[in-house]
Amino acid sequence: MLLAIDIGNTNTSFAVFKEAEIIASWRTHTDSQRTADDYAVWLKSLFTLKNLGFNTITAVVIASVVPETDYAFKCLVRQYFHQEPLYATAENLGIIIDLPNKAEVGADRLVNAVAAVAHYGAPAIIIDFGTATTFDVVNEKGHYAGGAIAPGLNLSLEALYHHAAKLPKVSIVRPTRVLGTSTVTAMQSGLYWGYIGLVEGLLKNLLLECFSGTTTTIITTGGLGSLFHKDLPLVTAHDTDLTLKGLYYFFKKVEGKT
C-alpha cells in the first residue's frame, strides 16, 4: 500500500491508498518543530484504529511546500516505514511546465495539475483554497501554463482582525444575505461574498485569456473549497482529495518506469 503525504503551509494531510482507493486519511496542523517520533506516535494510533500497520506500507510519496519539515519526514519514513520517501518535484512529475523558471512552482500546484489531467482531462483550471488561494491552468496539450495566487480567506480574516482595532474575529460562514446588519454579519458578508467576487473575477479572466470560450474543466479543492464551490456556477467539480490523488498518479508513473 502507498502512503501519500501532502505538506502544506497550514495543514499536512496523510492518505493510505490500496490501489487507487483511499482507505484511510488524516489531517494535522503543519509544525516545522515536530519531530519524526512525534509524527510516528500520532500516526501509530490512527493506523491501529484502521487496522493497519506501518509494515503494510510499501512506498511513501510526498509533496511539500515547507522545506523546514523535510528532515523530520525523511526520518519518519526511513525509521518507521523502512522506505525511502519519493518527493514530487518539477523535475520528476512528468508534466511539461511552460514557464521560464520551472523550479519556483510549488509541488502542490503541479501535483494538482497532474491529478486534473489524469482524472478529469485537459484543459483545466484548478482552484485550491488553502493558506493562499491558487489558480492553476493546464492547457489543451496537458501542459502546466501558469496561474494566479491570491491571499487565502483565513489570511484576509486575520488581517482584518489584527489591523482594525474595533473589528472582532469572526467565523467564516456563508451568509444568506449580502447586506450585513451588524459588524459581525457585515464582516462575514464581505469575507464570503467578497471572496466569491474575487474568485469569479479571476476565473472569468483566465478563461477569456487562456481558452477564449473553449470548454474547460474547472475543479475546486482545498480546505475551504467545499464552502465556496456551490456559489461558483462555472465550477465543474469539487475534489477534496485532488492533491493526494495527484500523488498517487505521480507514483504510478514513476513505478511504471522502474
C-alpha atoms as a PDB file:
ATOM      1  CA  MET A   1       0.000   0.000   0.000  1.00  0.00           C
ATOM      2  CA  LEU A   2       1.026   3.587  -0.668  1.00  0.00           C
ATOM      3  CA  LEU A   3       1.223   6.360   1.920  1.00  0.00           C
ATOM      4  CA  ALA A   4       0.788   9.814   0.368  1.00  0.00           C
ATOM      5  CA  ILE A   5       1.700  12.921   2.373  1.00  0.00           C
ATOM      6  CA  ASP A   6       0.770  16.474   1.346  1.00  0.00           C
ATOM      7  CA  ILE A   7       2.641  19.044   3.457  1.00  0.00           C
ATOM      8  CA  GLY A   8       1.025  22.464   3.135  1.00  0.00           C
ATOM      9  CA  ASN A   9       1.703  25.751   4.882  1.00  0.00           C
ATOM     10  CA  THR A  10      -1.227  25.296   7.276  1.00  0.00           C
ATOM     11  CA  ASN A  11      -2.106  21.590   7.270  1.00  0.00           C
ATOM     12  CA  THR A  12      -0.459  18.267   6.466  1.00  0.00           C
ATOM     13  CA  SER A  13      -2.633  15.506   5.008  1.00  0.00           C
ATOM     14  CA  PHE A  14      -1.920  11.775   5.016  1.00  0.00           C
ATOM     15  CA  ALA A  15      -3.693   9.127   2.920  1.00  0.00           C
ATOM     16  CA  VAL A  16      -3.256   5.386   2.604  1.00  0.00           C
ATOM     17  CA  PHE A  17      -4.005   4.055  -0.884  1.00  0.00           C
ATOM     18  CA  LYS A  18      -4.949   0.479  -1.659  1.00  0.00           C
ATOM     19  CA  GLU A  19      -4.589   0.506  -5.442  1.00  0.00           C
ATOM     20  CA  ALA A  20      -6.365   3.723  -6.475  1.00  0.00           C
ATOM     21  CA  GLU A  21      -8.693   3.878  -3.445  1.00  0.00           C
ATOM     22  CA  ILE A  22      -8.062   5.961  -0.341  1.00  0.00           C
ATOM     23  CA  ILE A  23      -8.829   3.613   2.551  1.00  0.00           C
ATOM     24  CA  ALA A  24      -7.731   5.943   5.360  1.00  0.00           C
ATOM     25  CA  SER A  25      -6.847   9.622   5.623  1.00  0.00           C
ATOM     26  CA  TRP A  26      -5.950  12.114   8.334  1.00  0.00           C
ATOM     27  CA  ARG A  27      -5.001  15.764   8.668  1.00  0.00           C
ATOM     28  CA  THR A  28      -2.903  17.635  11.214  1.00  0.00           C
ATOM     29  CA  HIS A  29      -1.508  21.142  11.628  1.00  0.00           C
ATOM     30  CA  THR A  30       1.829  21.676   9.895  1.00  0.00           C
ATOM     31  CA  ASP A  31       4.520  22.259  12.505  1.00  0.00           C
ATOM     32  CA  SER A  32       8.176  22.536  11.497  1.00  0.00           C
ATOM     33  CA  GLN A  33       9.182  21.904  15.135  1.00  0.00           C
ATOM     34  CA  ARG A  34       7.515  18.492  15.262  1.00  0.00           C
ATOM     35  CA  THR A  35       9.898  15.524  15.220  1.00  0.00           C
ATOM     36  CA  ALA A  36       9.761  12.203  13.384  1.00  0.00           C
ATOM     37  CA  ASP A  37       8.992  10.484  16.701  1.00  0.00           C
ATOM     38  CA  ASP A  38       6.071  12.857  17.336  1.00  0.00           C
ATOM     39  CA  TYR A  39       4.560  12.011  13.965  1.00  0.00           C
ATOM     40  CA  ALA A  40       5.180   8.289  14.480  1.00  0.00           C
ATOM     41  CA  VAL A  41       3.356   8.200  17.834  1.00  0.00           C
ATOM     42  CA  TRP A  42       0.434  10.179  16.402  1.00  0.00           C
ATOM     43  CA  LEU A  43       0.200   8.051  13.243  1.00  0.00           C
ATOM     44  CA  LYS A  44       0.592   4.736  15.078  1.00  0.00           C
ATOM     45  CA  SER A  45      -2.656   5.149  16.977  1.00  0.00           C
ATOM     46  CA  LEU A  46      -4.505   6.264  13.830  1.00  0.00           C
ATOM     47  CA  PHE A  47      -3.176   3.311  11.846  1.00  0.00           C
ATOM     48  CA  THR A  48      -4.287   0.966  14.631  1.00  0.00           C
ATOM     49  CA  LEU A  49      -7.821   2.384  14.579  1.00  0.00           C
ATOM     50  CA  LYS A  50      -8.000   1.460  10.883  1.00  0.00           C
ATOM     51  CA  ASN A  51      -6.494  -2.000  11.485  1.00  0.00           C
ATOM     52  CA  LEU A  52      -3.364  -1.006   9.591  1.00  0.00           C
ATOM     53  CA  GLY A  53       0.288  -1.422  10.471  1.00  0.00           C
ATOM     54  CA  PHE A  54       3.333   0.559   9.405  1.00  0.00           C
ATOM     55  CA  ASN A  55       4.613  -2.659   7.793  1.00  0.00           C
ATOM     56  CA  THR A  56       1.685  -2.616   5.330  1.00  0.00           C
ATOM     57  CA  ILE A  57       3.146   0.485   3.648  1.00  0.00           C
ATOM     58  CA  THR A  58       5.379  -0.417   0.712  1.00  0.00           C
ATOM     59  CA  ALA A  59       6.053   3.105  -0.601  1.00  0.00           C
ATOM     60  CA  VAL A  60       5.771   6.721   0.554  1.00  0.00           C
ATOM     61  CA  VAL A  61       5.317   9.733  -1.722  1.00  0.00           C
ATOM     62  CA  ILE A  62       5.426  13.350  -0.525  1.00  0.00           C
ATOM     63  CA  ALA A  63       4.546  16.808  -1.849  1.00  0.00           C
ATOM     64  CA  SER A  64       5.834  19.638   0.328  1.00  0.00           C
ATOM     65  CA  VAL A  65       5.906  23.424   0.225  1.00  0.00           C
ATOM     66  CA  VAL A  66       7.561  23.642   3.667  1.00  0.00           C
ATOM     67  CA  PRO A  67      11.263  22.743   3.338  1.00  0.00           C
ATOM     68  CA  GLU A  68      11.763  23.042   7.115  1.00  0.00           C
ATOM     69  CA  THR A  69       9.791  19.812   7.574  1.00  0.00           C
ATOM     70  CA  ASP A  70      11.930  17.726   5.198  1.00  0.00           C
ATOM     71  CA  TYR A  71      14.305  16.350   7.811  1.00  0.00           C
ATOM     72  CA  ALA A  72      11.535  15.160  10.153  1.00  0.00           C
ATOM     73  CA  PHE A  73       9.569  13.477   7.385  1.00  0.00           C
ATOM     74  CA  LYS A  74      12.599  11.797   5.862  1.00  0.00           C
ATOM     75  CA  CYS A  75      13.470  10.416   9.293  1.00  0.00           C
ATOM     76  CA  LEU A  76       9.857   9.325   9.857  1.00  0.00           C
ATOM     77  CA  VAL A  77       9.701   7.403   6.581  1.00  0.00           C
ATOM     78  CA  ARG A  78      13.159   5.827   6.916  1.00  0.00           C
ATOM     79  CA  GLN A  79      12.980   4.877  10.592  1.00  0.00           C
ATOM     80  CA  TYR A  80       9.361   3.790  10.936  1.00  0.00           C
ATOM     81  CA  PHE A  81       8.247   2.729   7.451  1.00  0.00           C
ATOM     82  CA  HIS A  82      11.658   1.478   6.287  1.00  0.00           C
ATOM     83  CA  GLN A  83      11.222   3.185   2.922  1.00  0.00           C
ATOM     84  CA  GLU A  84      12.964   5.959   1.022  1.00  0.00           C
ATOM     85  CA  PRO A  85      10.477   8.820   0.539  1.00  0.00           C
ATOM     86  CA  LEU A  86       9.778   9.914  -3.028  1.00  0.00           C
ATOM     87  CA  TYR A  87       9.370  13.689  -3.210  1.00  0.00           C
ATOM     88  CA  ALA A  88       7.345  15.229  -6.033  1.00  0.00           C
ATOM     89  CA  THR A  89       9.308  17.986  -7.804  1.00  0.00           C
ATOM     90  CA  ALA A  90       9.099  19.955 -11.027  1.00  0.00           C
ATOM     91  CA  GLU A  91      11.830  17.716 -12.450  1.00  0.00           C
ATOM     92  CA  ASN A  92      10.230  14.328 -11.795  1.00  0.00           C
ATOM     93  CA  LEU A  93       6.472  14.894 -12.018  1.00  0.00           C
ATOM     94  CA  GLY A  94       6.327  14.176 -15.712  1.00  0.00           C
ATOM     95  CA  ILE A  95       4.270  17.238 -16.632  1.00  0.00           C
ATOM     96  CA  ILE A  96       5.574  19.781 -19.129  1.00  0.00           C
ATOM     97  CA  ILE A  97       5.854  23.215 -17.488  1.00  0.00           C
ATOM     98  CA  ASP A  98       5.584  26.146 -19.911  1.00  0.00           C
ATOM     99  CA  LEU A  99       7.292  28.634 -17.584  1.00  0.00           C
ATOM    100  CA  PRO A 100      10.757  30.250 -17.695  1.00  0.00           C
ATOM    101  CA  ASN A 101      11.570  29.213 -14.099  1.00  0.00           C
ATOM    102  CA  LYS A 102      10.059  25.778 -13.566  1.00  0.00           C
ATOM    103  CA  ALA A 103      11.610  25.256 -10.120  1.00  0.00           C
ATOM    104  CA  GLU A 104       9.650  28.091  -8.496  1.00  0.00           C
ATOM    105  CA  VAL A 105       6.252  26.416  -8.935  1.00  0.00           C
ATOM    106  CA  GLY A 106       5.029  24.778  -5.719  1.00  0.00           C
ATOM    107  CA  ALA A 107       4.929  20.990  -5.735  1.00  0.00           C
ATOM    108  CA  ASP A 108       1.294  21.002  -4.584  1.00  0.00           C
ATOM    109  CA  ARG A 109       0.243  23.081  -7.592  1.00  0.00           C
ATOM    110  CA  LEU A 110       1.982  20.741 -10.010  1.00  0.00           C
ATOM    111  CA  VAL A 111       0.587  17.658  -8.289  1.00  0.00           C
ATOM    112  CA  ASN A 112      -2.902  19.161  -8.603  1.00  0.00           C
ATOM    113  CA  ALA A 113      -2.266  19.642 -12.331  1.00  0.00           C
ATOM    114  CA  VAL A 114      -1.172  16.003 -12.683  1.00  0.00           C
ATOM    115  CA  ALA A 115      -4.357  14.851 -10.919  1.00  0.00           C
ATOM    116  CA  ALA A 116      -6.561  17.116 -13.044  1.00  0.00           C
ATOM    117  CA  VAL A 117      -5.147  15.750 -16.303  1.00  0.00           C
ATOM    118  CA  ALA A 118      -5.285  12.114 -15.132  1.00  0.00           C
ATOM    119  CA  HIS A 119      -8.735  12.252 -13.558  1.00  0.00           C
ATOM    120  CA  TYR A 120     -10.618  14.967 -15.471  1.00  0.00           C
ATOM    121  CA  GLY A 121      -8.667  15.635 -18.660  1.00  0.00           C
ATOM    122  CA  ALA A 122      -7.311  18.825 -20.201  1.00  0.00           C
ATOM    123  CA  PRO A 123      -7.756  21.737 -20.493  1.00  0.00           C
ATOM    124  CA  ALA A 124      -8.475  22.517 -16.859  1.00  0.00           C
ATOM    125  CA  ILE A 125      -8.258  25.181 -14.181  1.00  0.00           C
ATOM    126  CA  ILE A 126      -7.707  24.112 -10.581  1.00  0.00           C
ATOM    127  CA  ILE A 127      -8.662  26.435  -7.719  1.00  0.00           C
ATOM    128  CA  ASP A 128      -7.056  25.381  -4.436  1.00  0.00           C
ATOM    129  CA  PHE A 129      -8.453  27.118  -1.339  1.00  0.00           C
ATOM    130  CA  GLY A 130      -5.562  26.874   1.107  1.00  0.00           C
ATOM    131  CA  THR A 131      -3.381  29.315   3.033  1.00  0.00           C
ATOM    132  CA  ALA A 132      -3.204  31.062  -0.306  1.00  0.00           C
ATOM    133  CA  THR A 133      -5.846  30.514  -2.975  1.00  0.00           C
ATOM    134  CA  THR A 134      -4.117  29.336  -6.121  1.00  0.00           C
ATOM    135  CA  PHE A 135      -5.434  29.172  -9.666  1.00  0.00           C
ATOM    136  CA  ASP A 136      -3.543  26.747 -11.900  1.00  0.00           C
ATOM    137  CA  VAL A 137      -4.038  26.421 -15.640  1.00  0.00           C
ATOM    138  CA  VAL A 138      -3.469  23.257 -17.657  1.00  0.00           C
ATOM    139  CA  ASN A 139      -3.692  23.952 -21.387  1.00  0.00           C
ATOM    140  CA  GLU A 140      -5.171  21.844 -24.172  1.00  0.00           C
ATOM    141  CA  LYS A 141      -1.903  19.915 -24.541  1.00  0.00           C
ATOM    142  CA  GLY A 142      -1.871  18.982 -20.852  1.00  0.00           C
ATOM    143  CA  HIS A 143       0.998  21.376 -20.103  1.00  0.00           C
ATOM    144  CA  TYR A 144       1.159  23.437 -16.921  1.00  0.00           C
ATOM    145  CA  ALA A 145       0.738  27.004 -18.228  1.00  0.00           C
ATOM    146  CA  GLY A 146       0.832  29.116 -15.054  1.00  0.00           C
ATOM    147  CA  GLY A 147      -1.831  30.659 -12.870  1.00  0.00           C
ATOM    148  CA  ALA A 148      -2.570  33.201 -10.179  1.00  0.00           C
ATOM    149  CA  ILE A 149      -2.095  33.402  -6.411  1.00  0.00           C
ATOM    150  CA  ALA A 150      -4.391  35.343  -4.069  1.00  0.00           C
ATOM    151  CA  PRO A 151      -4.366  35.660  -0.269  1.00  0.00           C
ATOM    152  CA  GLY A 152      -6.382  32.879   1.335  1.00  0.00           C
ATOM    153  CA  LEU A 153      -9.599  33.703   3.145  1.00  0.00           C
ATOM    154  CA  ASN A 154      -8.115  32.966   6.573  1.00  0.00           C
ATOM    155  CA  LEU A 155      -5.252  35.369   5.829  1.00  0.00           C
ATOM    156  CA  SER A 156      -7.795  38.049   4.919  1.00  0.00           C
ATOM    157  CA  LEU A 157      -9.684  37.401   8.138  1.00  0.00           C
ATOM    158  CA  GLU A 158      -6.500  37.608  10.218  1.00  0.00           C
ATOM    159  CA  ALA A 159      -5.538  40.885   8.517  1.00  0.00           C
ATOM    160  CA  LEU A 160      -8.898  42.442   9.382  1.00  0.00           C
ATOM    161  CA  TYR A 161      -8.724  41.258  12.984  1.00  0.00           C
ATOM    162  CA  HIS A 162      -5.137  42.345  13.628  1.00  0.00           C
ATOM    163  CA  HIS A 163      -5.115  45.663  11.756  1.00  0.00           C
ATOM    164  CA  ALA A 164      -8.564  47.081  12.524  1.00  0.00           C
ATOM    165  CA  ALA A 165      -8.785  47.750  16.256  1.00  0.00           C
ATOM    166  CA  LYS A 166     -12.573  47.605  16.579  1.00  0.00           C
ATOM    167  CA  LEU A 167     -13.238  44.611  14.347  1.00  0.00           C
ATOM    168  CA  PRO A 168     -13.726  41.243  16.074  1.00  0.00           C
ATOM    169  CA  LYS A 169     -12.527  37.850  14.896  1.00  0.00           C
ATOM    170  CA  VAL A 170     -15.455  36.126  13.202  1.00  0.00           C
ATOM    171  CA  SER A 171     -16.181  32.641  11.922  1.00  0.00           C
ATOM    172  CA  ILE A 172     -16.203  32.012   8.190  1.00  0.00           C
ATOM    173  CA  VAL A 173     -19.730  31.144   7.098  1.00  0.00           C
ATOM    174  CA  ARG A 174     -21.953  31.554   4.052  1.00  0.00           C
ATOM    175  CA  PRO A 175     -24.344  34.436   4.834  1.00  0.00           C
ATOM    176  CA  THR A 176     -27.776  34.163   3.235  1.00  0.00           C
ATOM    177  CA  ARG A 177     -27.765  37.906   2.534  1.00  0.00           C
ATOM    178  CA  VAL A 178     -25.089  40.248   1.242  1.00  0.00           C
ATOM    179  CA  LEU A 179     -26.386  43.086   3.424  1.00  0.00           C
ATOM    180  CA  GLY A 180     -24.989  42.774   6.938  1.00  0.00           C
ATOM    181  CA  THR A 181     -26.974  44.300   9.808  1.00  0.00           C
ATOM    182  CA  SER A 182     -24.222  44.120  12.442  1.00  0.00           C
ATOM    183  CA  THR A 183     -20.443  44.339  12.457  1.00  0.00           C
ATOM    184  CA  VAL A 184     -20.148  40.561  12.591  1.00  0.00           C
ATOM    185  CA  THR A 185     -22.601  39.864   9.756  1.00  0.00           C
ATOM    186  CA  ALA A 186     -21.127  42.687   7.667  1.00  0.00           C
ATOM    187  CA  MET A 187     -17.659  41.185   8.053  1.00  0.00           C
ATOM    188  CA  GLN A 188     -18.917  37.708   7.243  1.00  0.00           C
ATOM    189  CA  SER A 189     -20.657  39.003   4.145  1.00  0.00           C
ATOM    190  CA  GLY A 190     -17.599  40.917   2.986  1.00  0.00           C
ATOM    191  CA  LEU A 191     -15.351  37.934   3.539  1.00  0.00           C
ATOM    192  CA  TYR A 192     -17.601  35.363   1.870  1.00  0.00           C
ATOM    193  CA  TRP A 193     -19.305  37.260  -0.944  1.00  0.00           C
ATOM    194  CA  GLY A 194     -16.275  39.450  -1.498  1.00  0.00           C
ATOM    195  CA  TYR A 195     -14.192  36.327  -1.922  1.00  0.00           C
ATOM    196  CA  ILE A 196     -16.736  34.868  -4.335  1.00  0.00           C
ATOM    197  CA  GLY A 197     -16.307  38.030  -6.394  1.00  0.00           C
ATOM    198  CA  LEU A 198     -12.518  37.704  -6.313  1.00  0.00           C
ATOM    199  CA  VAL A 199     -12.630  34.063  -7.434  1.00  0.00           C
ATOM    200  CA  GLU A 200     -15.235  34.649 -10.145  1.00  0.00           C
ATOM    201  CA  GLY A 201     -13.344  37.664 -11.490  1.00  0.00           C
ATOM    202  CA  LEU A 202     -10.020  35.859 -11.731  1.00  0.00           C
ATOM    203  CA  LEU A 203     -11.642  32.750 -13.149  1.00  0.00           C
ATOM    204  CA  LYS A 204     -13.542  34.593 -15.893  1.00  0.00           C
ATOM    205  CA  ASN A 205     -10.419  36.485 -16.934  1.00  0.00           C
ATOM    206  CA  LEU A 206      -8.312  33.311 -17.009  1.00  0.00           C
ATOM    207  CA  LEU A 207     -10.924  31.593 -19.164  1.00  0.00           C
ATOM    208  CA  LEU A 208     -11.068  34.541 -21.552  1.00  0.00           C
ATOM    209  CA  GLU A 209      -7.302  34.988 -21.726  1.00  0.00           C
ATOM    210  CA  CYS A 210      -6.284  31.332 -21.927  1.00  0.00           C
ATOM    211  CA  PHE A 211      -9.146  29.485 -23.600  1.00  0.00           C
ATOM    212  CA  SER A 212     -11.366  32.015 -25.421  1.00  0.00           C
ATOM    213  CA  GLY A 213     -14.566  30.103 -24.847  1.00  0.00           C
ATOM    214  CA  THR A 214     -13.167  26.572 -25.168  1.00  0.00           C
ATOM    215  CA  THR A 215     -14.956  24.121 -22.857  1.00  0.00           C
ATOM    216  CA  THR A 216     -12.725  23.851 -19.794  1.00  0.00           C
ATOM    217  CA  THR A 217     -12.938  21.673 -16.687  1.00  0.00           C
ATOM    218  CA  ILE A 218     -12.801  23.763 -13.510  1.00  0.00           C
ATOM    219  CA  ILE A 219     -12.034  21.951 -10.272  1.00  0.00           C
ATOM    220  CA  THR A 220     -12.040  23.292  -6.717  1.00  0.00           C
ATOM    221  CA  THR A 221     -10.095  21.707  -3.889  1.00  0.00           C
ATOM    222  CA  GLY A 222      -8.503  22.656  -0.568  1.00  0.00           C
ATOM    223  CA  GLY A 223      -9.778  23.203   2.944  1.00  0.00           C
ATOM    224  CA  LEU A 224     -12.374  25.859   2.113  1.00  0.00           C
ATOM    225  CA  GLY A 225     -13.258  24.606  -1.351  1.00  0.00           C
ATOM    226  CA  SER A 226     -16.325  22.766  -0.055  1.00  0.00           C
ATOM    227  CA  LEU A 227     -17.685  26.054   1.327  1.00  0.00           C
ATOM    228  CA  PHE A 228     -17.406  28.020  -1.910  1.00  0.00           C
ATOM    229  CA  HIS A 229     -17.900  25.739  -4.887  1.00  0.00           C
ATOM    230  CA  LYS A 230     -21.715  25.733  -4.819  1.00  0.00           C
ATOM    231  CA  ASP A 231     -21.754  29.512  -5.348  1.00  0.00           C
ATOM    232  CA  LEU A 232     -19.349  29.317  -8.290  1.00  0.00           C
ATOM    233  CA  PRO A 233     -21.514  28.285 -11.267  1.00  0.00           C
ATOM    234  CA  LEU A 234     -18.516  27.853 -13.584  1.00  0.00           C
ATOM    235  CA  VAL A 235     -17.052  25.111 -11.386  1.00  0.00           C
ATOM    236  CA  THR A 236     -17.332  21.620 -12.867  1.00  0.00           C
ATOM    237  CA  ALA A 237     -16.291  19.526  -9.850  1.00  0.00           C
ATOM    238  CA  HIS A 238     -15.138  19.741  -6.254  1.00  0.00           C
ATOM    239  CA  ASP A 239     -12.469  17.226  -5.229  1.00  0.00           C
ATOM    240  CA  THR A 240     -11.269  17.387  -1.625  1.00  0.00           C
ATOM    241  CA  ASP A 241      -8.561  14.766  -2.235  1.00  0.00           C
ATOM    242  CA  LEU A 242      -7.203  16.143  -5.522  1.00  0.00           C
ATOM    243  CA  THR A 243      -3.625  16.687  -4.282  1.00  0.00           C
ATOM    244  CA  LEU A 244      -3.449  13.252  -2.667  1.00  0.00           C
ATOM    245  CA  LYS A 245      -4.816  11.667  -5.850  1.00  0.00           C
ATOM    246  CA  GLY A 246      -2.166  13.551  -7.794  1.00  0.00           C
ATOM    247  CA  LEU A 247       0.497  11.976  -5.609  1.00  0.00           C
ATOM    248  CA  TYR A 248      -0.955   8.558  -6.382  1.00  0.00           C
ATOM    249  CA  TYR A 249      -0.886   9.199 -10.146  1.00  0.00           C
ATOM    250  CA  PHE A 250       2.658  10.552  -9.860  1.00  0.00           C
ATOM    251  CA  PHE A 251       3.786   7.439  -8.003  1.00  0.00           C
ATOM    252  CA  LYS A 252       2.201   5.148 -10.578  1.00  0.00           C
ATOM    253  CA  LYS A 253       4.082   6.955 -13.368  1.00  0.00           C
ATOM    254  CA  VAL A 254       7.376   6.586 -11.523  1.00  0.00           C
ATOM    255  CA  GLU A 255       6.603   2.958 -10.681  1.00  0.00           C
ATOM    256  CA  GLY A 256       5.904   2.260 -14.344  1.00  0.00           C
ATOM    257  CA  LYS A 257       9.367   3.498 -15.309  1.00  0.00           C
ATOM    258  CA  THR A 258      11.248   1.341 -12.795  1.00  0.00           C
END
